[in-house]
Amino acid sequence: MKIDPYVIDTLMRDLVGHSRSSAAYLVYLYLYRQTHGTGRESIAASYAVLAEATGLSKRSTQSAIAYLIDRRLIRRRQARPTSTPVYTAMTPWIRRST
């Protein structure tokens, strides 16, 4: 899998350095790998699964998800309030031609 240079060169510095949210960067990188790296549009994952996969606490994962949604770097969908969320790692720096 090839990682978009923007993810390393710009997003890492922005999230980790400027925003001081290394947890958000780790969660984004995991979701990016599980979607773009596998050819899938989205992935269903609970906070517990994300926390385990990234080595973060569940609370840090929750905060990171909220931050990434606010920054429009990920999208979360849920069929029902108690169902497992489905996440999509967005790439707003890539312009889609229409």
PDB file of N, CA and C in Angstrom:
ATOM      1  N   MET A   1       0.835  -1.176   0.000  1.00  0.00           N
ATOM      2  CA  MET A   1       0.000   0.000   0.000  1.00  0.00           C
ATOM      3  C   MET A   1       0.879   1.237   0.000  1.00  0.00           C
ATOM      4  N   LYS A   2       0.516   2.172  -0.805  1.00  0.00           N
ATOM      5  CA  LYS A   2       1.231   3.428  -0.874  1.00  0.00           C
ATOM      6  C   LYS A   2       0.436   4.474  -0.097  1.00  0.00           C
ATOM      7  N   ILE A   3       1.092   5.151   0.847  1.00  0.00           N
ATOM      8  CA  ILE A   3       0.422   6.193   1.628  1.00  0.00           C
ATOM      9  C   ILE A   3       0.587   7.520   0.909  1.00  0.00           C
ATOM     10  N   ASP A   4      -0.504   8.247   0.802  1.00  0.00           N
ATOM     11  CA  ASP A   4      -0.476   9.571   0.198  1.00  0.00           C
ATOM     12  C   ASP A   4       0.537  10.429   0.962  1.00  0.00           C
ATOM     13  N   PRO A   5       1.474  11.083   0.278  1.00  0.00           N
ATOM     14  CA  PRO A   5       2.476  11.903   0.958  1.00  0.00           C
ATOM     15  C   PRO A   5       1.880  12.964   1.883  1.00  0.00           C
ATOM     16  N   TYR A   6       0.699  13.456   1.570  1.00  0.00           N
ATOM     17  CA  TYR A   6       0.057  14.470   2.409  1.00  0.00           C
ATOM     18  C   TYR A   6      -0.154  13.957   3.836  1.00  0.00           C
ATOM     19  N   VAL A   7      -0.477  12.668   3.977  1.00  0.00           N
ATOM     20  CA  VAL A   7      -0.748  12.087   5.290  1.00  0.00           C
ATOM     21  C   VAL A   7       0.489  12.186   6.189  1.00  0.00           C
ATOM     22  N   ILE A   8       1.660  11.984   5.624  1.00  0.00           N
ATOM     23  CA  ILE A   8       2.901  12.041   6.400  1.00  0.00           C
ATOM     24  C   ILE A   8       3.453  13.464   6.457  1.00  0.00           C
ATOM     25  N   ASP A   9       3.548  14.118   5.318  1.00  0.00           N
ATOM     26  CA  ASP A   9       4.222  15.416   5.234  1.00  0.00           C
ATOM     27  C   ASP A   9       3.448  16.564   5.863  1.00  0.00           C
ATOM     28  N   THR A  10       2.146  16.556   5.785  1.00  0.00           N
ATOM     29  CA  THR A  10       1.353  17.693   6.244  1.00  0.00           C
ATOM     30  C   THR A  10       0.435  17.333   7.406  1.00  0.00           C
ATOM     31  N   LEU A  11      -0.362  16.284   7.249  1.00  0.00           N
ATOM     32  CA  LEU A  11      -1.347  15.937   8.270  1.00  0.00           C
ATOM     33  C   LEU A  11      -0.692  15.574   9.601  1.00  0.00           C
ATOM     34  N   MET A  12       0.415  14.842   9.564  1.00  0.00           N
ATOM     35  CA  MET A  12       1.099  14.472  10.801  1.00  0.00           C
ATOM     36  C   MET A  12       1.543  15.727  11.560  1.00  0.00           C
ATOM     37  N   ARG A  13       2.167  16.638  10.868  1.00  0.00           N
ATOM     38  CA  ARG A  13       2.638  17.880  11.504  1.00  0.00           C
ATOM     39  C   ARG A  13       1.461  18.692  12.040  1.00  0.00           C
ATOM     40  N   ASP A  14       0.366  18.721  11.290  1.00  0.00           N
ATOM     41  CA  ASP A  14      -0.805  19.482  11.707  1.00  0.00           C
ATOM     42  C   ASP A  14      -1.454  18.883  12.948  1.00  0.00           C
ATOM     43  N   LEU A  15      -1.729  17.574  12.935  1.00  0.00           N
ATOM     44  CA  LEU A  15      -2.421  16.942  14.049  1.00  0.00           C
ATOM     45  C   LEU A  15      -1.533  16.764  15.275  1.00  0.00           C
ATOM     46  N   VAL A  16      -0.307  16.333  15.079  1.00  0.00           N
ATOM     47  CA  VAL A  16       0.575  16.048  16.204  1.00  0.00           C
ATOM     48  C   VAL A  16       1.241  17.322  16.727  1.00  0.00           C
ATOM     49  N   GLY A  17       1.775  18.138  15.832  1.00  0.00           N
ATOM     50  CA  GLY A  17       2.491  19.333  16.257  1.00  0.00           C
ATOM     51  C   GLY A  17       1.588  20.492  16.595  1.00  0.00           C
ATOM     52  N   HIS A  18       0.821  20.942  15.639  1.00  0.00           N
ATOM     53  CA  HIS A  18      -0.008  22.127  15.827  1.00  0.00           C
ATOM     54  C   HIS A  18      -1.199  21.868  16.752  1.00  0.00           C
ATOM     55  N   SER A  19      -1.960  20.829  16.484  1.00  0.00           N
ATOM     56  CA  SER A  19      -3.177  20.552  17.265  1.00  0.00           C
ATOM     57  C   SER A  19      -2.901  19.756  18.538  1.00  0.00           C
ATOM     58  N   ARG A  20      -1.692  19.229  18.668  1.00  0.00           N
ATOM     59  CA  ARG A  20      -1.302  18.421  19.829  1.00  0.00           C
ATOM     60  C   ARG A  20      -2.250  17.245  20.053  1.00  0.00           C
ATOM     61  N   SER A  21      -2.574  16.577  18.973  1.00  0.00           N
ATOM     62  CA  SER A  21      -3.487  15.441  19.055  1.00  0.00           C
ATOM     63  C   SER A  21      -2.888  14.233  18.346  1.00  0.00           C
ATOM     64  N   SER A  22      -1.870  13.674  18.976  1.00  0.00           N
ATOM     65  CA  SER A  22      -1.243  12.494  18.374  1.00  0.00           C
ATOM     66  C   SER A  22      -2.219  11.318  18.320  1.00  0.00           C
ATOM     67  N   ALA A  23      -3.148  11.255  19.277  1.00  0.00           N
ATOM     68  CA  ALA A  23      -4.155  10.183  19.268  1.00  0.00           C
ATOM     69  C   ALA A  23      -5.005  10.275  18.014  1.00  0.00           C
ATOM     70  N   ALA A  24      -5.392  11.488  17.626  1.00  0.00           N
ATOM     71  CA  ALA A  24      -6.196  11.667  16.414  1.00  0.00           C
ATOM     72  C   ALA A  24      -5.419  11.206  15.190  1.00  0.00           C
ATOM     73  N   TYR A  25      -4.138  11.494  15.159  1.00  0.00           N
ATOM     74  CA  TYR A  25      -3.322  11.073  14.026  1.00  0.00           C
ATOM     75  C   TYR A  25      -3.249   9.548  13.951  1.00  0.00           C
ATOM     76  N   LEU A  26      -3.045   8.899  15.085  1.00  0.00           N
ATOM     77  CA  LEU A  26      -2.973   7.433  15.096  1.00  0.00           C
ATOM     78  C   LEU A  26      -4.292   6.799  14.652  1.00  0.00           C
ATOM     79  N   VAL A  27      -5.394   7.332  15.141  1.00  0.00           N
ATOM     80  CA  VAL A  27      -6.700   6.801  14.753  1.00  0.00           C
ATOM     81  C   VAL A  27      -6.938   7.029  13.269  1.00  0.00           C
ATOM     82  N   TYR A  28      -6.614   8.225  12.768  1.00  0.00           N
ATOM     83  CA  TYR A  28      -6.781   8.499  11.339  1.00  0.00           C
ATOM     84  C   TYR A  28      -5.917   7.547  10.510  1.00  0.00           C
ATOM     85  N   LEU A  29      -4.670   7.376  10.904  1.00  0.00           N
ATOM     86  CA  LEU A  29      -3.763   6.499  10.160  1.00  0.00           C
ATOM     87  C   LEU A  29      -4.294   5.066  10.119  1.00  0.00           C
ATOM     88  N   TYR A  30      -4.826   4.589  11.239  1.00  0.00           N
ATOM     89  CA  TYR A  30      -5.409   3.245  11.275  1.00  0.00           C
ATOM     90  C   TYR A  30      -6.612   3.148  10.336  1.00  0.00           C
ATOM     91  N   LEU A  31      -7.521   4.124  10.430  1.00  0.00           N
ATOM     92  CA  LEU A  31      -8.707   4.092   9.569  1.00  0.00           C
ATOM     93  C   LEU A  31      -8.333   4.248   8.097  1.00  0.00           C
ATOM     94  N   TYR A  32      -7.348   5.073   7.812  1.00  0.00           N
ATOM     95  CA  TYR A  32      -6.865   5.252   6.440  1.00  0.00           C
ATOM     96  C   TYR A  32      -6.342   3.919   5.889  1.00  0.00           C
ATOM     97  N   ARG A  33      -5.558   3.226   6.698  1.00  0.00           N
ATOM     98  CA  ARG A  33      -4.988   1.932   6.281  1.00  0.00           C
ATOM     99  C   ARG A  33      -6.082   0.882   6.065  1.00  0.00           C
ATOM    100  N   GLN A  34      -7.064   0.863   6.958  1.00  0.00           N
ATOM    101  CA  GLN A  34      -8.125  -0.134   6.869  1.00  0.00           C
ATOM    102  C   GLN A  34      -9.105   0.144   5.734  1.00  0.00           C
ATOM    103  N   THR A  35      -9.119   1.356   5.235  1.00  0.00           N
ATOM    104  CA  THR A  35     -10.017   1.685   4.124  1.00  0.00           C
ATOM    105  C   THR A  35      -9.214   1.830   2.833  1.00  0.00           C
ATOM    106  N   HIS A  36      -8.492   2.886   2.690  1.00  0.00           N
ATOM    107  CA  HIS A  36      -7.734   3.131   1.454  1.00  0.00           C
ATOM    108  C   HIS A  36      -6.709   2.036   1.179  1.00  0.00           C
ATOM    109  N   GLY A  37      -6.124   1.492   2.238  1.00  0.00           N
ATOM    110  CA  GLY A  37      -5.106   0.457   2.073  1.00  0.00           C
ATOM    111  C   GLY A  37      -5.648  -0.892   1.673  1.00  0.00           C
ATOM    112  N   THR A  38      -6.937  -1.099   1.845  1.00  0.00           N
ATOM    113  CA  THR A  38      -7.529  -2.397   1.503  1.00  0.00           C
ATOM    114  C   THR A  38      -8.543  -2.297   0.378  1.00  0.00           C
ATOM    115  N   GLY A  39      -8.719  -1.070  -0.132  1.00  0.00           N
ATOM    116  CA  GLY A  39      -9.661  -0.879  -1.228  1.00  0.00           C
ATOM    117  C   GLY A  39     -11.110  -0.790  -0.801  1.00  0.00           C
ATOM    118  N   ARG A  40     -11.339  -0.690   0.510  1.00  0.00           N
ATOM    119  CA  ARG A  40     -12.712  -0.559   1.003  1.00  0.00           C
ATOM    120  C   ARG A  40     -13.040   0.908   1.231  1.00  0.00           C
ATOM    121  N   GLU A  41     -14.313   1.225   1.135  1.00  0.00           N
ATOM    122  CA  GLU A  41     -14.744   2.604   1.367  1.00  0.00           C
ATOM    123  C   GLU A  41     -14.813   2.914   2.854  1.00  0.00           C
ATOM    124  N   SER A  42     -15.212   1.923   3.659  1.00  0.00           N
ATOM    125  CA  SER A  42     -15.400   2.179   5.081  1.00  0.00           C
ATOM    126  C   SER A  42     -15.137   0.920   5.894  1.00  0.00           C
ATOM    127  N   ILE A  43     -15.102   1.109   7.217  1.00  0.00           N
ATOM    128  CA  ILE A  43     -14.852   0.001   8.138  1.00  0.00           C
ATOM    129  C   ILE A  43     -15.749   0.174   9.365  1.00  0.00           C
ATOM    130  N   ALA A  44     -16.333  -0.920   9.816  1.00  0.00           N
ATOM    131  CA  ALA A  44     -17.121  -0.912  11.050  1.00  0.00           C
ATOM    132  C   ALA A  44     -16.175  -1.236  12.198  1.00  0.00           C
ATOM    133  N   ALA A  45     -16.177  -0.383  13.226  1.00  0.00           N
ATOM    134  CA  ALA A  45     -15.289  -0.611  14.364  1.00  0.00           C
ATOM    135  C   ALA A  45     -15.819   0.102  15.600  1.00  0.00           C
ATOM    136  N   SER A  46     -15.785  -0.598  16.707  1.00  0.00           N
ATOM    137  CA  SER A  46     -16.192   0.001  17.987  1.00  0.00           C
ATOM    138  C   SER A  46     -15.007   0.785  18.559  1.00  0.00           C
ATOM    139  N   TYR A  47     -15.283   1.578  19.592  1.00  0.00           N
ATOM    140  CA  TYR A  47     -14.188   2.291  20.269  1.00  0.00           C
ATOM    141  C   TYR A  47     -13.184   1.299  20.837  1.00  0.00           C
ATOM    142  N   ALA A  48     -13.668   0.188  21.368  1.00  0.00           N
ATOM    143  CA  ALA A  48     -12.780  -0.820  21.944  1.00  0.00           C
ATOM    144  C   ALA A  48     -11.846  -1.401  20.892  1.00  0.00           C
ATOM    145  N   VAL A  49     -12.373  -1.675  19.706  1.00  0.00           N
ATOM    146  CA  VAL A  49     -11.547  -2.214  18.614  1.00  0.00           C
ATOM    147  C   VAL A  49     -10.505  -1.185  18.193  1.00  0.00           C
ATOM    148  N   LEU A  50     -10.926   0.070  18.040  1.00  0.00           N
ATOM    149  CA  LEU A  50      -9.988   1.126  17.650  1.00  0.00           C
ATOM    150  C   LEU A  50      -8.913   1.335  18.713  1.00  0.00           C
ATOM    151  N   ALA A  51      -9.316   1.293  19.974  1.00  0.00           N
ATOM    152  CA  ALA A  51      -8.358   1.463  21.066  1.00  0.00           C
ATOM    153  C   ALA A  51      -7.332   0.330  21.063  1.00  0.00           C
ATOM    154  N   GLU A  52      -7.785  -0.877  20.897  1.00  0.00           N
ATOM    155  CA  GLU A  52      -6.886  -2.038  20.857  1.00  0.00           C
ATOM    156  C   GLU A  52      -5.928  -1.954  19.668  1.00  0.00           C
ATOM    157  N   ALA A  53      -6.454  -1.576  18.517  1.00  0.00           N
ATOM    158  CA  ALA A  53      -5.642  -1.532  17.302  1.00  0.00           C
ATOM    159  C   ALA A  53      -4.580  -0.437  17.342  1.00  0.00           C
ATOM    160  N   THR A  54      -4.869   0.661  18.028  1.00  0.00           N
ATOM    161  CA  THR A  54      -3.934   1.790  18.052  1.00  0.00           C
ATOM    162  C   THR A  54      -3.091   1.851  19.317  1.00  0.00           C
ATOM    163  N   GLY A  55      -3.448   1.070  20.330  1.00  0.00           N
ATOM    164  CA  GLY A  55      -2.716   1.107  21.590  1.00  0.00           C
ATOM    165  C   GLY A  55      -3.123   2.270  22.477  1.00  0.00           C
ATOM    166  N   LEU A  56      -4.230   2.903  22.156  1.00  0.00           N
ATOM    167  CA  LEU A  56      -4.722   4.035  22.933  1.00  0.00           C
ATOM    168  C   LEU A  56      -5.780   3.577  23.931  1.00  0.00           C
ATOM    169  N   SER A  57      -6.090   4.429  24.878  1.00  0.00           N
ATOM    170  CA  SER A  57      -7.203   4.136  25.783  1.00  0.00           C
ATOM    171  C   SER A  57      -8.511   4.371  25.031  1.00  0.00           C
ATOM    172  N   LYS A  58      -9.578   3.791  25.544  1.00  0.00           N
ATOM    173  CA  LYS A  58     -10.875   3.972  24.907  1.00  0.00           C
ATOM    174  C   LYS A  58     -11.277   5.445  24.944  1.00  0.00           C
ATOM    175  N   ARG A  59     -11.005   6.132  26.037  1.00  0.00           N
ATOM    176  CA  ARG A  59     -11.342   7.556  26.162  1.00  0.00           C
ATOM    177  C   ARG A  59     -10.551   8.404  25.163  1.00  0.00           C
ATOM    178  N   SER A  60      -9.269   8.117  24.986  1.00  0.00           N
ATOM    179  CA  SER A  60      -8.460   8.845  24.008  1.00  0.00           C
ATOM    180  C   SER A  60      -8.977   8.607  22.596  1.00  0.00           C
ATOM    181  N   THR A  61      -9.420   7.385  22.348  1.00  0.00           N
ATOM    182  CA  THR A  61      -9.980   7.048  21.043  1.00  0.00           C
ATOM    183  C   THR A  61     -11.275   7.822  20.797  1.00  0.00           C
ATOM    184  N   GLN A  62     -12.116   7.903  21.800  1.00  0.00           N
ATOM    185  CA  GLN A  62     -13.370   8.661  21.671  1.00  0.00           C
ATOM    186  C   GLN A  62     -13.087  10.131  21.367  1.00  0.00           C
ATOM    187  N   SER A  63     -12.146  10.715  22.078  1.00  0.00           N
ATOM    188  CA  SER A  63     -11.788  12.122  21.849  1.00  0.00           C
ATOM    189  C   SER A  63     -11.211  12.316  20.453  1.00  0.00           C
ATOM    190  N   ALA A  64     -10.369  11.375  20.025  1.00  0.00           N
ATOM    191  CA  ALA A  64      -9.756  11.454  18.701  1.00  0.00           C
ATOM    192  C   ALA A  64     -10.819  11.379  17.604  1.00  0.00           C
ATOM    193  N   ILE A  65     -11.776  10.475  17.762  1.00  0.00           N
ATOM    194  CA  ILE A  65     -12.850  10.341  16.778  1.00  0.00           C
ATOM    195  C   ILE A  65     -13.645  11.643  16.684  1.00  0.00           C
ATOM    196  N   ALA A  66     -14.004  12.208  17.827  1.00  0.00           N
ATOM    197  CA  ALA A  66     -14.758  13.473  17.834  1.00  0.00           C
ATOM    198  C   ALA A  66     -13.977  14.580  17.139  1.00  0.00           C
ATOM    199  N   TYR A  67     -12.684  14.646  17.403  1.00  0.00           N
ATOM    200  CA  TYR A  67     -11.833  15.661  16.793  1.00  0.00           C
ATOM    201  C   TYR A  67     -11.746  15.467  15.274  1.00  0.00           C
ATOM    202  N   LEU A  68     -11.562  14.233  14.838  1.00  0.00           N
ATOM    203  CA  LEU A  68     -11.446  13.937  13.405  1.00  0.00           C
ATOM    204  C   LEU A  68     -12.750  14.217  12.662  1.00  0.00           C
ATOM    205  N   ILE A  69     -13.876  13.940  13.301  1.00  0.00           N
ATOM    206  CA  ILE A  69     -15.170  14.252  12.692  1.00  0.00           C
ATOM    207  C   ILE A  69     -15.315  15.766  12.556  1.00  0.00           C
ATOM    208  N   ASP A  70     -14.954  16.480  13.608  1.00  0.00           N
ATOM    209  CA  ASP A  70     -15.040  17.944  13.590  1.00  0.00           C
ATOM    210  C   ASP A  70     -14.153  18.542  12.494  1.00  0.00           C
ATOM    211  N   ARG A  71     -13.000  17.949  12.277  1.00  0.00           N
ATOM    212  CA  ARG A  71     -12.074  18.414  11.233  1.00  0.00           C
ATOM    213  C   ARG A  71     -12.443  17.895   9.840  1.00  0.00           C
ATOM    214  N   ARG A  72     -13.489  17.094   9.774  1.00  0.00           N
ATOM    215  CA  ARG A  72     -13.966  16.478   8.529  1.00  0.00           C
ATOM    216  C   ARG A  72     -12.909  15.577   7.870  1.00  0.00           C
ATOM    217  N   LEU A  73     -12.131  14.911   8.717  1.00  0.00           N
ATOM    218  CA  LEU A  73     -11.147  13.964   8.214  1.00  0.00           C
ATOM    219  C   LEU A  73     -11.700  12.543   8.193  1.00  0.00           C
ATOM    220  N   ILE A  74     -12.749  12.315   8.974  1.00  0.00           N
ATOM    221  CA  ILE A  74     -13.456  11.035   8.907  1.00  0.00           C
ATOM    222  C   ILE A  74     -14.953  11.313   8.919  1.00  0.00           C
ATOM    223  N   ARG A  75     -15.691  10.309   8.455  1.00  0.00           N
ATOM    224  CA  ARG A  75     -17.153  10.358   8.504  1.00  0.00           C
ATOM    225  C   ARG A  75     -17.604   9.120   9.281  1.00  0.00           C
ATOM    226  N   ARG A  76     -18.591   9.305  10.157  1.00  0.00           N
ATOM    227  CA  ARG A  76     -19.129   8.193  10.947  1.00  0.00           C
ATOM    228  C   ARG A  76     -20.610   8.046  10.643  1.00  0.00           C
ATOM    229  N   ARG A  77     -21.039   6.806  10.413  1.00  0.00           N
ATOM    230  CA  ARG A  77     -22.454   6.505  10.203  1.00  0.00           C
ATOM    231  C   ARG A  77     -22.839   5.380  11.149  1.00  0.00           C
ATOM    232  N   GLN A  78     -24.082   5.453  11.633  1.00  0.00           N
ATOM    233  CA  GLN A  78     -24.624   4.393  12.468  1.00  0.00           C
ATOM    234  C   GLN A  78     -26.070   4.167  12.078  1.00  0.00           C
ATOM    235  N   ALA A  79     -26.432   2.921  11.884  1.00  0.00           N
ATOM    236  CA  ALA A  79     -27.810   2.594  11.534  1.00  0.00           C
ATOM    237  C   ALA A  79     -28.743   2.899  12.706  1.00  0.00           C
ATOM    238  N   ARG A  80     -28.306   2.556  13.907  1.00  0.00           N
ATOM    239  CA  ARG A  80     -29.062   2.805  15.133  1.00  0.00           C
ATOM    240  C   ARG A  80     -28.087   3.287  16.199  1.00  0.00           C
ATOM    241  N   PRO A  81     -28.576   3.951  17.224  1.00  0.00           N
ATOM    242  CA  PRO A  81     -27.675   4.466  18.264  1.00  0.00           C
ATOM    243  C   PRO A  81     -26.790   3.408  18.929  1.00  0.00           C
ATOM    244  N   THR A  82     -27.257   2.169  18.978  1.00  0.00           N
ATOM    245  CA  THR A  82     -26.474   1.118  19.628  1.00  0.00           C
ATOM    246  C   THR A  82     -25.675   0.256  18.654  1.00  0.00           C
ATOM    247  N   SER A  83     -25.783   0.514  17.363  1.00  0.00           N
ATOM    248  CA  SER A  83     -25.040  -0.297  16.395  1.00  0.00           C
ATOM    249  C   SER A  83     -23.581   0.175  16.301  1.00  0.00           C
ATOM    250  N   THR A  84     -22.738  -0.696  15.807  1.00  0.00           N
ATOM    251  CA  THR A  84     -21.319  -0.385  15.634  1.00  0.00           C
ATOM    252  C   THR A  84     -21.160   0.699  14.570  1.00  0.00           C
ATOM    253  N   PRO A  85     -20.416   1.749  14.873  1.00  0.00           N
ATOM    254  CA  PRO A  85     -20.216   2.813  13.879  1.00  0.00           C
ATOM    255  C   PRO A  85     -19.425   2.323  12.671  1.00  0.00           C
ATOM    256  N   VAL A  86     -19.712   2.931  11.549  1.00  0.00           N
ATOM    257  CA  VAL A  86     -18.981   2.665  10.304  1.00  0.00           C
ATOM    258  C   VAL A  86     -18.232   3.948   9.962  1.00  0.00           C
ATOM    259  N   TYR A  87     -16.917   3.832   9.805  1.00  0.00           N
ATOM    260  CA  TYR A  87     -16.062   4.994   9.568  1.00  0.00           C
ATOM    261  C   TYR A  87     -15.511   5.001   8.152  1.00  0.00           C
ATOM    262  N   THR A  88     -15.398   6.199   7.610  1.00  0.00           N
ATOM    263  CA  THR A  88     -14.763   6.420   6.314  1.00  0.00           C
ATOM    264  C   THR A  88     -13.673   7.458   6.515  1.00  0.00           C
ATOM    265  N   ALA A  89     -12.461   7.130   6.104  1.00  0.00           N
ATOM    266  CA  ALA A  89     -11.359   8.092   6.171  1.00  0.00           C
ATOM    267  C   ALA A  89     -11.448   8.987   4.943  1.00  0.00           C
ATOM    268  N   MET A  90     -11.667  10.264   5.195  1.00  0.00           N
ATOM    269  CA  MET A  90     -11.822  11.225   4.111  1.00  0.00           C
ATOM    270  C   MET A  90     -10.442  11.737   3.670  1.00  0.00           C
ATOM    271  N   THR A  91     -10.375  12.182   2.445  1.00  0.00           N
ATOM    272  CA  THR A  91      -9.146  12.781   1.911  1.00  0.00           C
ATOM    273  C   THR A  91      -9.496  14.123   1.274  1.00  0.00           C
ATOM    274  N   PRO A  92      -9.804  15.131   2.110  1.00  0.00           N
ATOM    275  CA  PRO A  92     -10.260  16.417   1.574  1.00  0.00           C
ATOM    276  C   PRO A  92      -9.219  17.165   0.758  1.00  0.00           C
ATOM    277  N   TRP A  93      -7.968  16.790   0.856  1.00  0.00           N
ATOM    278  CA  TRP A  93      -6.920  17.457   0.075  1.00  0.00           C
ATOM    279  C   TRP A  93      -6.876  16.979  -1.369  1.00  0.00           C
ATOM    280  N   ILE A  94      -7.570  15.896  -1.668  1.00  0.00           N
ATOM    281  CA  ILE A  94      -7.622  15.381  -3.038  1.00  0.00           C
ATOM    282  C   ILE A  94      -8.884  15.912  -3.697  1.00  0.00           C
ATOM    283  N   ARG A  95      -8.700  16.636  -4.749  1.00  0.00           N
ATOM    284  CA  ARG A  95      -9.845  17.202  -5.484  1.00  0.00           C
ATOM    285  C   ARG A  95     -10.347  16.157  -6.470  1.00  0.00           C
ATOM    286  N   ARG A  96     -11.625  15.896  -6.397  1.00  0.00           N
ATOM    287  CA  ARG A  96     -12.259  14.938  -7.317  1.00  0.00           C
ATOM    288  C   ARG A  96     -12.753  15.683  -8.539  1.00  0.00           C
ATOM    289  N   SER A  97     -12.444  15.189  -9.707  1.00  0.00           N
ATOM    290  CA  SER A  97     -12.979  15.807 -10.920  1.00  0.00           C
ATOM    291  C   SER A  97     -14.383  15.286 -11.162  1.00  0.00           C
ATOM    292  N   THR A  98     -15.260  16.165 -11.589  1.00  0.00           N
ATOM    293  CA  THR A  98     -16.657  15.750 -11.801  1.00  0.00           C
ATOM    294  C   THR A  98     -17.006  15.702 -13.250  1.00  0.00           C
TER     295      THR A  98
END
